[in-house]
Full PDB file with SEQRES, HELIX, SHEET, SSBOND, CRYST1, ORIGX, SCALE, CONECT and MASTER records, all heavy atoms in Angstrom:
SEQRES   1 A   41  ALA VAL VAL HIS PRO SER LEU ASN ALA LEU GLN LEU THR          
SEQRES   2 A   41  GLU PHE ALA SER LEU ASN ASN ARG VAL PHE ARG THR LEU          
SEQRES   3 A   41  SER SER PRO LEU ILE VAL THR GLN ASP GLU THR ILE THR          
SEQRES   4 A   41  PHE ARG                                                      
SHEET    1 AA1 2 ALA A   9  LEU A  12  0                                        
SHEET    2 AA1 2 LEU A  30  THR A  33 -1                                        
CRYST1    1.000    1.000    1.000  90.00  90.00  90.00 P 1           1          
ORIGX1      1.000000  0.000000  0.000000        0.00000                         
ORIGX2      0.000000  1.000000  0.000000        0.00000                         
ORIGX3      0.000000  0.000000  1.000000        0.00000                         
SCALE1      1.000000  0.000000  0.000000        0.00000                         
SCALE2      0.000000  1.000000  0.000000        0.00000                         
SCALE3      0.000000  0.000000  1.000000        0.00000                         
ATOM      1  N   ALA A   1      13.054  -9.091  14.763  1.00  0.00           N  
ATOM      2  CA  ALA A   1      14.438  -8.621  14.756  1.00  0.00           C  
ATOM      3  C   ALA A   1      15.349  -9.607  15.473  1.00  0.00           C  
ATOM      4  O   ALA A   1      14.910 -10.334  16.367  1.00  0.00           O  
ATOM      5  CB  ALA A   1      14.532  -7.252  15.430  1.00  0.00           C  
ATOM      6  N   VAL A   2      16.618  -9.632  15.095  1.00  0.00           N  
ATOM      7  CA  VAL A   2      17.629 -10.405  15.816  1.00  0.00           C  
ATOM      8  C   VAL A   2      18.148  -9.540  16.956  1.00  0.00           C  
ATOM      9  O   VAL A   2      18.580  -8.409  16.743  1.00  0.00           O  
ATOM     10  CB  VAL A   2      18.780 -10.827  14.880  1.00  0.00           C  
ATOM     11  CG1 VAL A   2      19.869 -11.554  15.669  1.00  0.00           C  
ATOM     12  CG2 VAL A   2      18.242 -11.722  13.769  1.00  0.00           C  
ATOM     13  N   VAL A   3      18.092 -10.073  18.177  1.00  0.00           N  
ATOM     14  CA  VAL A   3      18.410  -9.305  19.389  1.00  0.00           C  
ATOM     15  C   VAL A   3      19.636  -9.903  20.072  1.00  0.00           C  
ATOM     16  O   VAL A   3      19.722 -11.124  20.242  1.00  0.00           O  
ATOM     17  CB  VAL A   3      17.210  -9.304  20.366  1.00  0.00           C  
ATOM     18  CG1 VAL A   3      17.549  -8.546  21.642  1.00  0.00           C  
ATOM     19  CG2 VAL A   3      15.995  -8.695  19.696  1.00  0.00           C  
ATOM     20  N   HIS A   4      20.569  -9.060  20.484  1.00  0.00           N  
ATOM     21  CA  HIS A   4      21.778  -9.533  21.166  1.00  0.00           C  
ATOM     22  C   HIS A   4      21.423 -10.080  22.549  1.00  0.00           C  
ATOM     23  O   HIS A   4      20.636  -9.468  23.285  1.00  0.00           O  
ATOM     24  CB  HIS A   4      22.784  -8.392  21.293  1.00  0.00           C  
ATOM     25  CG  HIS A   4      24.160  -8.851  21.636  1.00  0.00           C  
ATOM     26  ND1 HIS A   4      24.529  -9.204  22.922  1.00  0.00           N  
ATOM     27  CD2 HIS A   4      25.266  -9.050  20.862  1.00  0.00           C  
ATOM     28  CE1 HIS A   4      25.787  -9.585  22.923  1.00  0.00           C  
ATOM     29  NE2 HIS A   4      26.260  -9.502  21.687  1.00  0.00           N  
ATOM     30  N   PRO A   5      21.987 -11.239  22.949  1.00  0.00           N  
ATOM     31  CA  PRO A   5      21.621 -11.876  24.219  1.00  0.00           C  
ATOM     32  C   PRO A   5      22.119 -11.148  25.462  1.00  0.00           C  
ATOM     33  O   PRO A   5      21.810 -11.558  26.574  1.00  0.00           O  
ATOM     34  CB  PRO A   5      22.244 -13.274  24.110  1.00  0.00           C  
ATOM     35  CG  PRO A   5      23.359 -13.117  23.139  1.00  0.00           C  
ATOM     36  CD  PRO A   5      22.893 -12.093  22.150  1.00  0.00           C  
ATOM     37  N   SER A   6      22.891 -10.072  25.300  1.00  0.00           N  
ATOM     38  CA  SER A   6      23.261  -9.281  26.470  1.00  0.00           C  
ATOM     39  C   SER A   6      22.076  -8.467  26.982  1.00  0.00           C  
ATOM     40  O   SER A   6      22.108  -7.940  28.093  1.00  0.00           O  
ATOM     41  CB  SER A   6      24.429  -8.349  26.134  1.00  0.00           C  
ATOM     42  OG  SER A   6      24.044  -7.409  25.140  1.00  0.00           O  
ATOM     43  N   LEU A   7      21.028  -8.369  26.163  1.00  0.00           N  
ATOM     44  CA  LEU A   7      19.825  -7.638  26.565  1.00  0.00           C  
ATOM     45  C   LEU A   7      18.853  -8.571  27.276  1.00  0.00           C  
ATOM     46  O   LEU A   7      18.472  -9.613  26.726  1.00  0.00           O  
ATOM     47  CB  LEU A   7      19.135  -7.035  25.339  1.00  0.00           C  
ATOM     48  CG  LEU A   7      19.959  -6.025  24.528  1.00  0.00           C  
ATOM     49  CD1 LEU A   7      19.167  -5.568  23.307  1.00  0.00           C  
ATOM     50  CD2 LEU A   7      20.334  -4.832  25.383  1.00  0.00           C  
ATOM     51  N   ASN A   8      18.445  -8.221  28.477  1.00  0.00           N  
ATOM     52  CA  ASN A   8      17.440  -8.995  29.203  1.00  0.00           C  
ATOM     53  C   ASN A   8      16.071  -8.516  28.759  1.00  0.00           C  
ATOM     54  O   ASN A   8      15.442  -7.660  29.399  1.00  0.00           O  
ATOM     55  CB  ASN A   8      17.605  -8.824  30.712  1.00  0.00           C  
ATOM     56  CG  ASN A   8      18.805  -9.580  31.238  1.00  0.00           C  
ATOM     57  OD1 ASN A   8      19.128 -10.667  30.756  1.00  0.00           O  
ATOM     58  ND2 ASN A   8      19.488  -9.012  32.204  1.00  0.00           N  
ATOM     59  N   ALA A   9      15.613  -9.052  27.644  1.00  0.00           N  
ATOM     60  CA  ALA A   9      14.373  -8.580  27.039  1.00  0.00           C  
ATOM     61  C   ALA A   9      13.675  -9.740  26.343  1.00  0.00           C  
ATOM     62  O   ALA A   9      14.263 -10.801  26.110  1.00  0.00           O  
ATOM     63  CB  ALA A   9      14.663  -7.460  26.038  1.00  0.00           C  
ATOM     64  N   LEU A  10      12.397  -9.526  26.008  1.00  0.00           N  
ATOM     65  CA  LEU A  10      11.615 -10.470  25.225  1.00  0.00           C  
ATOM     66  C   LEU A  10      11.103  -9.767  23.980  1.00  0.00           C  
ATOM     67  O   LEU A  10      10.977  -8.546  23.948  1.00  0.00           O  
ATOM     68  CB  LEU A  10      10.428 -11.001  26.037  1.00  0.00           C  
ATOM     69  CG  LEU A  10      10.745 -11.743  27.332  1.00  0.00           C  
ATOM     70  CD1 LEU A  10       9.450 -12.129  28.038  1.00  0.00           C  
ATOM     71  CD2 LEU A  10      11.590 -12.985  27.065  1.00  0.00           C  
ATOM     72  N   GLN A  11      10.812 -10.554  22.950  1.00  0.00           N  
ATOM     73  CA  GLN A  11      10.276  -9.997  21.709  1.00  0.00           C  
ATOM     74  C   GLN A  11       8.943 -10.662  21.379  1.00  0.00           C  
ATOM     75  O   GLN A  11       8.817 -11.889  21.418  1.00  0.00           O  
ATOM     76  CB  GLN A  11      11.260 -10.195  20.551  1.00  0.00           C  
ATOM     77  CG  GLN A  11      10.817  -9.543  19.268  1.00  0.00           C  
ATOM     78  CD  GLN A  11      11.903  -9.493  18.212  1.00  0.00           C  
ATOM     79  OE1 GLN A  11      11.716  -8.948  17.130  1.00  0.00           O  
ATOM     80  NE2 GLN A  11      13.058 -10.046  18.501  1.00  0.00           N  
ATOM     81  N   LEU A  12       7.958  -9.829  21.068  1.00  0.00           N  
ATOM     82  CA  LEU A  12       6.634 -10.295  20.669  1.00  0.00           C  
ATOM     83  C   LEU A  12       6.483 -10.098  19.165  1.00  0.00           C  
ATOM     84  O   LEU A  12       6.667  -8.990  18.651  1.00  0.00           O  
ATOM     85  CB  LEU A  12       5.554  -9.507  21.420  1.00  0.00           C  
ATOM     86  CG  LEU A  12       4.095  -9.684  20.955  1.00  0.00           C  
ATOM     87  CD1 LEU A  12       3.647 -11.129  21.142  1.00  0.00           C  
ATOM     88  CD2 LEU A  12       3.182  -8.741  21.735  1.00  0.00           C  
ATOM     89  N   THR A  13       6.152 -11.170  18.445  1.00  0.00           N  
ATOM     90  CA  THR A  13       5.922 -11.090  17.003  1.00  0.00           C  
ATOM     91  C   THR A  13       4.625 -11.793  16.654  1.00  0.00           C  
ATOM     92  O   THR A  13       4.113 -12.630  17.410  1.00  0.00           O  
ATOM     93  CB  THR A  13       7.083 -11.720  16.199  1.00  0.00           C  
ATOM     94  OG1 THR A  13       7.417 -12.994  16.769  1.00  0.00           O  
ATOM     95  CG2 THR A  13       8.300 -10.835  16.206  1.00  0.00           C  
ATOM     96  N   GLU A  14       4.082 -11.471  15.479  1.00  0.00           N  
ATOM     97  CA  GLU A  14       2.766 -11.949  15.076  1.00  0.00           C  
ATOM     98  C   GLU A  14       2.859 -12.922  13.901  1.00  0.00           C  
ATOM     99  O   GLU A  14       3.683 -12.748  13.003  1.00  0.00           O  
ATOM    100  CB  GLU A  14       1.883 -10.768  14.654  1.00  0.00           C  
ATOM    101  CG  GLU A  14       1.717  -9.699  15.721  1.00  0.00           C  
ATOM    102  CD  GLU A  14       0.965  -8.481  15.214  1.00  0.00           C  
ATOM    103  OE1 GLU A  14       0.736  -8.381  13.975  1.00  0.00           O  
ATOM    104  OE2 GLU A  14       0.607  -7.630  16.041  1.00  0.00           O  
ATOM    105  N   PHE A  15       1.985 -13.922  13.927  1.00  0.00           N  
ATOM    106  CA  PHE A  15       1.773 -14.774  12.759  1.00  0.00           C  
ATOM    107  C   PHE A  15       0.569 -14.226  11.991  1.00  0.00           C  
ATOM    108  O   PHE A  15      -0.571 -14.329  12.445  1.00  0.00           O  
ATOM    109  CB  PHE A  15       1.455 -16.214  13.170  1.00  0.00           C  
ATOM    110  CG  PHE A  15       2.578 -16.988  13.796  1.00  0.00           C  
ATOM    111  CD1 PHE A  15       2.705 -17.041  15.178  1.00  0.00           C  
ATOM    112  CD2 PHE A  15       3.493 -17.682  13.015  1.00  0.00           C  
ATOM    113  CE1 PHE A  15       3.720 -17.766  15.765  1.00  0.00           C  
ATOM    114  CE2 PHE A  15       4.514 -18.413  13.602  1.00  0.00           C  
ATOM    115  CZ  PHE A  15       4.628 -18.453  14.985  1.00  0.00           C  
ATOM    116  N   ALA A  16       0.832 -13.639  10.829  1.00  0.00           N  
ATOM    117  CA  ALA A  16      -0.235 -13.253   9.898  1.00  0.00           C  
ATOM    118  C   ALA A  16      -1.382 -12.532  10.586  1.00  0.00           C  
ATOM    119  O   ALA A  16      -2.522 -13.008  10.612  1.00  0.00           O  
ATOM    120  CB  ALA A  16      -0.753 -14.495   9.165  1.00  0.00           C  
ATOM    121  N   SER A  17      -1.112 -11.348  11.116  1.00  0.00           N  
ATOM    122  CA  SER A  17      -2.166 -10.574  11.772  1.00  0.00           C  
ATOM    123  C   SER A  17      -3.176 -10.063  10.753  1.00  0.00           C  
ATOM    124  O   SER A  17      -2.849  -9.815   9.591  1.00  0.00           O  
ATOM    125  CB  SER A  17      -1.561  -9.399  12.539  1.00  0.00           C  
ATOM    126  OG  SER A  17      -0.837  -8.552  11.664  1.00  0.00           O  
ATOM    127  N   LEU A  18      -4.412  -9.924  11.207  1.00  0.00           N  
ATOM    128  CA  LEU A  18      -5.498  -9.437  10.365  1.00  0.00           C  
ATOM    129  C   LEU A  18      -5.617  -7.926  10.567  1.00  0.00           C  
ATOM    130  O   LEU A  18      -5.938  -7.461  11.659  1.00  0.00           O  
ATOM    131  CB  LEU A  18      -6.805 -10.137  10.753  1.00  0.00           C  
ATOM    132  CG  LEU A  18      -8.073  -9.760   9.990  1.00  0.00           C  
ATOM    133  CD1 LEU A  18      -7.932 -10.087   8.505  1.00  0.00           C  
ATOM    134  CD2 LEU A  18      -9.269 -10.489  10.590  1.00  0.00           C  
ATOM    135  N   ASN A  19      -5.317  -7.158   9.526  1.00  0.00           N  
ATOM    136  CA  ASN A  19      -5.357  -5.702   9.620  1.00  0.00           C  
ATOM    137  C   ASN A  19      -6.167  -5.125   8.473  1.00  0.00           C  
ATOM    138  O   ASN A  19      -5.851  -5.350   7.297  1.00  0.00           O  
ATOM    139  CB  ASN A  19      -3.937  -5.120   9.591  1.00  0.00           C  
ATOM    140  CG  ASN A  19      -3.233  -5.258  10.928  1.00  0.00           C  
ATOM    141  OD1 ASN A  19      -3.534  -4.524  11.861  1.00  0.00           O  
ATOM    142  ND2 ASN A  19      -2.310  -6.208  11.011  1.00  0.00           N  
ATOM    143  N   ASN A  20      -7.226  -4.388   8.813  1.00  0.00           N  
ATOM    144  CA  ASN A  20      -8.065  -3.713   7.828  1.00  0.00           C  
ATOM    145  C   ASN A  20      -8.713  -2.501   8.496  1.00  0.00           C  
ATOM    146  O   ASN A  20      -8.297  -2.108   9.587  1.00  0.00           O  
ATOM    147  CB  ASN A  20      -9.113  -4.681   7.241  1.00  0.00           C  
ATOM    148  CG  ASN A  20      -9.901  -5.406   8.325  1.00  0.00           C  
ATOM    149  OD1 ASN A  20     -10.286  -4.788   9.331  1.00  0.00           O  
ATOM    150  ND2 ASN A  20     -10.139  -6.694   8.127  1.00  0.00           N  
ATOM    151  N   ARG A  21      -9.721  -1.900   7.898  1.00  0.00           N  
ATOM    152  CA  ARG A  21     -10.308  -0.707   8.483  1.00  0.00           C  
ATOM    153  C   ARG A  21     -11.148  -1.005   9.716  1.00  0.00           C  
ATOM    154  O   ARG A  21     -11.526  -0.096  10.464  1.00  0.00           O  
ATOM    155  CB  ARG A  21     -11.157   0.034   7.444  1.00  0.00           C  
ATOM    156  CG  ARG A  21     -12.364  -0.726   6.947  1.00  0.00           C  
ATOM    157  CD  ARG A  21     -13.093   0.057   5.858  1.00  0.00           C  
ATOM    158  NE  ARG A  21     -14.253  -0.666   5.364  1.00  0.00           N  
ATOM    159  CZ  ARG A  21     -15.456  -0.628   5.931  1.00  0.00           C  
ATOM    160  NH1 ARG A  21     -15.648   0.090   7.014  1.00  0.00           N  
ATOM    161  NH2 ARG A  21     -16.457  -1.304   5.396  1.00  0.00           N  
ATOM    162  N   VAL A  22     -11.408  -2.316   9.962  1.00  0.00           N  
ATOM    163  CA  VAL A  22     -12.197  -2.705  11.137  1.00  0.00           C  
ATOM    164  C   VAL A  22     -11.299  -3.206  12.264  1.00  0.00           C  
ATOM    165  O   VAL A  22     -11.464  -2.822  13.421  1.00  0.00           O  
ATOM    166  CB  VAL A  22     -13.236  -3.788  10.767  1.00  0.00           C  
ATOM    167  CG1 VAL A  22     -14.028  -4.218  12.005  1.00  0.00           C  
ATOM    168  CG2 VAL A  22     -14.165  -3.281   9.677  1.00  0.00           C  
ATOM    169  N   PHE A  23     -10.343  -4.060  11.939  1.00  0.00           N  
ATOM    170  CA  PHE A  23      -9.475  -4.680  12.942  1.00  0.00           C  
ATOM    171  C   PHE A  23      -8.038  -4.211  12.743  1.00  0.00           C  
ATOM    172  O   PHE A  23      -7.529  -4.229  11.620  1.00  0.00           O  
ATOM    173  CB  PHE A  23      -9.533  -6.207  12.841  1.00  0.00           C  
ATOM    174  CG  PHE A  23     -10.921  -6.766  12.967  1.00  0.00           C  
ATOM    175  CD1 PHE A  23     -11.449  -7.547  11.955  1.00  0.00           C  
ATOM    176  CD2 PHE A  23     -11.696  -6.510  14.087  1.00  0.00           C  
ATOM    177  CE1 PHE A  23     -12.731  -8.069  12.046  1.00  0.00           C  
ATOM    178  CE2 PHE A  23     -12.974  -7.021  14.190  1.00  0.00           C  
ATOM    179  CZ  PHE A  23     -13.502  -7.803  13.180  1.00  0.00           C  
ATOM    180  N   ARG A  24      -7.385  -3.821  13.827  1.00  0.00           N  
ATOM    181  CA  ARG A  24      -6.020  -3.327  13.747  1.00  0.00           C  
ATOM    182  C   ARG A  24      -5.174  -3.922  14.872  1.00  0.00           C  
ATOM    183  O   ARG A  24      -5.640  -4.072  16.002  1.00  0.00           O  
ATOM    184  CB  ARG A  24      -5.965  -1.804  13.869  1.00  0.00           C  
ATOM    185  CG  ARG A  24      -6.720  -1.029  12.815  1.00  0.00           C  
ATOM    186  CD  ARG A  24      -6.174  -1.254  11.435  1.00  0.00           C  
ATOM    187  NE  ARG A  24      -4.774  -0.859  11.306  1.00  0.00           N  
ATOM    188  CZ  ARG A  24      -4.039  -1.101  10.234  1.00  0.00           C  
ATOM    189  NH1 ARG A  24      -4.549  -1.752   9.200  1.00  0.00           N  
ATOM    190  NH2 ARG A  24      -2.795  -0.693  10.193  1.00  0.00           N  
ATOM    191  N   THR A  25      -3.928  -4.266  14.541  1.00  0.00           N  
ATOM    192  CA  THR A  25      -2.913  -4.581  15.550  1.00  0.00           C  
ATOM    193  C   THR A  25      -1.686  -3.719  15.248  1.00  0.00           C  
ATOM    194  O   THR A  25      -1.613  -3.067  14.204  1.00  0.00           O  
ATOM    195  CB  THR A  25      -2.492  -6.066  15.520  1.00  0.00           C  
ATOM    196  OG1 THR A  25      -1.789  -6.323  14.303  1.00  0.00           O  
ATOM    197  CG2 THR A  25      -3.696  -6.982  15.627  1.00  0.00           C  
ATOM    198  N   LEU A  26      -0.698  -3.753  16.136  1.00  0.00           N  
ATOM    199  CA  LEU A  26       0.521  -2.996  15.879  1.00  0.00           C  
ATOM    200  C   LEU A  26       1.204  -3.488  14.614  1.00  0.00           C  
ATOM    201  O   LEU A  26       1.817  -2.729  13.874  1.00  0.00           O  
ATOM    202  CB  LEU A  26       1.473  -3.106  17.075  1.00  0.00           C  
ATOM    203  CG  LEU A  26       2.777  -2.320  16.974  1.00  0.00           C  
ATOM    204  CD1 LEU A  26       2.487  -0.817  16.921  1.00  0.00           C  
ATOM    205  CD2 LEU A  26       3.698  -2.649  18.145  1.00  0.00           C  
ATOM    206  N   SER A  27       1.107  -4.801  14.359  1.00  0.00           N  
ATOM    207  CA  SER A  27       1.662  -5.420  13.148  1.00  0.00           C  
ATOM    208  C   SER A  27       3.150  -5.134  12.998  1.00  0.00           C  
ATOM    209  O   SER A  27       3.646  -4.877  11.900  1.00  0.00           O  
ATOM    210  CB  SER A  27       0.906  -4.932  11.909  1.00  0.00           C  
ATOM    211  OG  SER A  27       1.260  -5.701  10.773  1.00  0.00           O  
ATOM    212  N   SER A  28       3.869  -5.187  14.110  1.00  0.00           N  
ATOM    213  CA  SER A  28       5.304  -4.925  14.123  1.00  0.00           C  
ATOM    214  C   SER A  28       5.906  -5.663  15.306  1.00  0.00           C  
ATOM    215  O   SER A  28       5.251  -5.815  16.347  1.00  0.00           O  
ATOM    216  CB  SER A  28       5.551  -3.415  14.256  1.00  0.00           C  
ATOM    217  OG  SER A  28       6.920  -3.146  14.428  1.00  0.00           O  
ATOM    218  N   PRO A  29       7.137  -6.141  15.196  1.00  0.00           N  
ATOM    219  CA  PRO A  29       7.791  -6.752  16.366  1.00  0.00           C  
ATOM    220  C   PRO A  29       7.868  -5.758  17.517  1.00  0.00           C  
ATOM    221  O   PRO A  29       8.008  -4.542  17.303  1.00  0.00           O  
ATOM    222  CB  PRO A  29       9.183  -7.118  15.843  1.00  0.00           C  
ATOM    223  CG  PRO A  29       9.028  -7.201  14.366  1.00  0.00           C  
ATOM    224  CD  PRO A  29       7.994  -6.177  14.000  1.00  0.00           C  
ATOM    225  N   LEU A  30       7.788  -6.275  18.729  1.00  0.00           N  
ATOM    226  CA  LEU A  30       7.762  -5.429  19.922  1.00  0.00           C  
ATOM    227  C   LEU A  30       8.764  -5.971  20.933  1.00  0.00           C  
ATOM    228  O   LEU A  30       8.743  -7.162  21.253  1.00  0.00           O  
ATOM    229  CB  LEU A  30       6.352  -5.439  20.514  1.00  0.00           C  
ATOM    230  CG  LEU A  30       6.044  -4.504  21.671  1.00  0.00           C  
ATOM    231  CD1 LEU A  30       6.085  -3.063  21.194  1.00  0.00           C  
ATOM    232  CD2 LEU A  30       4.677  -4.819  22.256  1.00  0.00           C  
ATOM    233  N   ILE A  31       9.670  -5.124  21.420  1.00  0.00           N  
ATOM    234  CA  ILE A  31      10.661  -5.520  22.418  1.00  0.00           C  
ATOM    235  C   ILE A  31      10.183  -5.061  23.794  1.00  0.00           C  
ATOM    236  O   ILE A  31       9.848  -3.889  23.981  1.00  0.00           O  
ATOM    237  CB  ILE A  31      12.042  -4.892  22.121  1.00  0.00           C  
ATOM    238  CG1 ILE A  31      12.479  -5.199  20.687  1.00  0.00           C  
ATOM    239  CG2 ILE A  31      13.071  -5.382  23.140  1.00  0.00           C  
ATOM    240  CD1 ILE A  31      12.752  -6.645  20.412  1.00  0.00           C  
ATOM    241  N   VAL A  32      10.150  -5.988  24.741  1.00  0.00           N  
ATOM    242  CA  VAL A  32       9.675  -5.711  26.093  1.00  0.00           C  
ATOM    243  C   VAL A  32      10.805  -5.992  27.083  1.00  0.00           C  
ATOM    244  O   VAL A  32      11.462  -7.034  27.005  1.00  0.00           O  
ATOM    245  CB  VAL A  32       8.439  -6.573  26.437  1.00  0.00           C  
ATOM    246  CG1 VAL A  32       8.024  -6.380  27.887  1.00  0.00           C  
ATOM    247  CG2 VAL A  32       7.280  -6.209  25.517  1.00  0.00           C  
ATOM    248  N   THR A  33      11.041  -5.090  28.015  1.00  0.00           N  
ATOM    249  CA  THR A  33      12.148  -5.218  28.951  1.00  0.00           C  
ATOM    250  C   THR A  33      11.843  -6.231  30.047  1.00  0.00           C  
ATOM    251  O   THR A  33      10.711  -6.695  30.208  1.00  0.00           O  
ATOM    252  CB  THR A  33      12.475  -3.862  29.600  1.00  0.00           C  
ATOM    253  OG1 THR A  33      11.380  -3.496  30.473  1.00  0.00           O  
ATOM    254  CG2 THR A  33      12.663  -2.784  28.559  1.00  0.00           C  
ATOM    255  N   GLN A  34      12.870  -6.542  30.840  1.00  0.00           N  
ATOM    256  CA  GLN A  34      12.749  -7.525  31.910  1.00  0.00           C  
ATOM    257  C   GLN A  34      11.820  -7.064  33.025  1.00  0.00           C  
ATOM    258  O   GLN A  34      11.404  -7.870  33.858  1.00  0.00           O  
ATOM    259  CB  GLN A  34      14.129  -7.810  32.505  1.00  0.00           C  
ATOM    260  CG  GLN A  34      14.786  -6.605  33.145  1.00  0.00           C  
ATOM    261  CD  GLN A  34      16.165  -6.927  33.683  1.00  0.00           C  
ATOM    262  OE1 GLN A  34      16.501  -8.095  33.883  1.00  0.00           O  
ATOM    263  NE2 GLN A  34      16.976  -5.909  33.905  1.00  0.00           N  
ATOM    264  N   ASP A  35      11.469  -5.789  33.078  1.00  0.00           N  
ATOM    265  CA  ASP A  35      10.613  -5.273  34.138  1.00  0.00           C  
ATOM    266  C   ASP A  35       9.136  -5.450  33.839  1.00  0.00           C  
ATOM    267  O   ASP A  35       8.300  -5.156  34.698  1.00  0.00           O  
ATOM    268  CB  ASP A  35      10.891  -3.775  34.363  1.00  0.00           C  
ATOM    269  CG  ASP A  35      12.335  -3.516  34.748  1.00  0.00           C  
ATOM    270  OD1 ASP A  35      12.886  -4.326  35.521  1.00  0.00           O  
ATOM    271  OD2 ASP A  35      12.918  -2.528  34.265  1.00  0.00           O  
ATOM    272  N   GLU A  36       8.795  -5.913  32.633  1.00  0.00           N  
ATOM    273  CA  GLU A  36       7.396  -6.003  32.252  1.00  0.00           C  
ATOM    274  C   GLU A  36       7.018  -7.432  31.877  1.00  0.00           C  
ATOM    275  O   GLU A  36       7.859  -8.246  31.509  1.00  0.00           O  
ATOM    276  CB  GLU A  36       7.112  -5.058  31.079  1.00  0.00           C  
ATOM    277  CG  GLU A  36       7.290  -3.586  31.447  1.00  0.00           C  
ATOM    278  CD  GLU A  36       6.840  -2.661  30.342  1.00  0.00           C  
ATOM    279  OE1 GLU A  36       7.473  -2.701  29.263  1.00  0.00           O  
ATOM    280  OE2 GLU A  36       5.883  -1.912  30.555  1.00  0.00           O  
ATOM    281  N   THR A  37       5.723  -7.692  31.963  1.00  0.00           N  
ATOM    282  CA  THR A  37       5.152  -9.002  31.644  1.00  0.00           C  
ATOM    283  C   THR A  37       4.219  -8.869  30.455  1.00  0.00           C  
ATOM    284  O   THR A  37       3.450  -7.907  30.362  1.00  0.00           O  
ATOM    285  CB  THR A  37       4.384  -9.571  32.850  1.00  0.00           C  
ATOM    286  OG1 THR A  37       5.266  -9.704  33.959  1.00  0.00           O  
ATOM    287  CG2 THR A  37       3.785 -10.929  32.532  1.00  0.00           C  
ATOM    288  N   ILE A  38       4.280  -9.830  29.545  1.00  0.00           N  
ATOM    289  CA  ILE A  38       3.329  -9.919  28.427  1.00  0.00           C  
ATOM    290  C   ILE A  38       2.295 -10.974  28.796  1.00  0.00           C  
ATOM    291  O   ILE A  38       2.648 -12.076  29.222  1.00  0.00           O  
ATOM    292  CB  ILE A  38       4.034 -10.315  27.119  1.00  0.00           C  
ATOM    293  CG1 ILE A  38       5.136  -9.314  26.761  1.00  0.00           C  
ATOM    294  CG2 ILE A  38       3.036 -10.430  25.976  1.00  0.00           C  
ATOM    295  CD1 ILE A  38       6.011  -9.766  25.603  1.00  0.00           C  
ATOM    296  N   THR A  39       1.026 -10.667  28.616  1.00  0.00           N  
ATOM    297  CA  THR A  39      -0.038 -11.606  28.947  1.00  0.00           C  
ATOM    298  C   THR A  39      -0.994 -11.752  27.773  1.00  0.00           C  
ATOM    299  O   THR A  39      -1.395 -10.750  27.165  1.00  0.00           O  
ATOM    300  CB  THR A  39      -0.829 -11.134  30.186  1.00  0.00           C  
ATOM    301  OG1 THR A  39       0.059 -10.992  31.298  1.00  0.00           O  
ATOM    302  CG2 THR A  39      -1.913 -12.146  30.560  1.00  0.00           C  
ATOM    303  N   PHE A  40      -1.351 -13.008  27.445  1.00  0.00           N  
ATOM    304  CA  PHE A  40      -2.346 -13.312  26.415  1.00  0.00           C  
ATOM    305  C   PHE A  40      -3.588 -13.881  27.093  1.00  0.00           C  
ATOM    306  O   PHE A  40      -3.486 -14.793  27.920  1.00  0.00           O  
ATOM    307  CB  PHE A  40      -1.834 -14.358  25.417  1.00  0.00           C  
ATOM    308  CG  PHE A  40      -0.607 -13.960  24.658  1.00  0.00           C  
ATOM    309  CD1 PHE A  40       0.192 -14.946  24.070  1.00  0.00           C  
ATOM    310  CD2 PHE A  40      -0.248 -12.633  24.487  1.00  0.00           C  
ATOM    311  CE1 PHE A  40       1.323 -14.606  23.357  1.00  0.00           C  
ATOM    312  CE2 PHE A  40       0.879 -12.277  23.769  1.00  0.00           C  
ATOM    313  CZ  PHE A  40       1.676 -13.275  23.204  1.00  0.00           C  
ATOM    314  N   ARG A  41      -4.764 -13.374  26.710  1.00  0.00           N  
ATOM    315  CA  ARG A  41      -6.036 -13.934  27.168  1.00  0.00           C  
ATOM    316  C   ARG A  41      -6.886 -14.240  25.943  1.00  0.00           C  
ATOM    317  O   ARG A  41      -7.493 -13.333  25.357  1.00  0.00           O  
ATOM    318  CB  ARG A  41      -6.752 -12.965  28.108  1.00  0.00           C  
ATOM    319  CG  ARG A  41      -6.022 -12.787  29.434  1.00  0.00           C  
ATOM    320  CD  ARG A  41      -6.673 -11.776  30.338  1.00  0.00           C  
ATOM    321  NE  ARG A  41      -5.860 -11.580  31.547  1.00  0.00           N  
ATOM    322  CZ  ARG A  41      -5.957 -10.516  32.347  1.00  0.00           C  
ATOM    323  NH1 ARG A  41      -6.830  -9.549  32.068  1.00  0.00           N  
ATOM    324  NH2 ARG A  41      -5.188 -10.411  33.410  1.00  0.00           N  
TER     325      ARG A  41                                                      
MASTER        0    0    0    0    2    0    0    6  324    1    0    4          
END                                                                             
């Protein structure tokens, strides 16, 4: 989504997620506020 810069937020989006009956992700853009941290491992 296009987000207005007055919002202190981050957006998480996916490149070609793998979704089937075995593996699932949210498969949708996600907006996270300034109070939270996103971590990848």
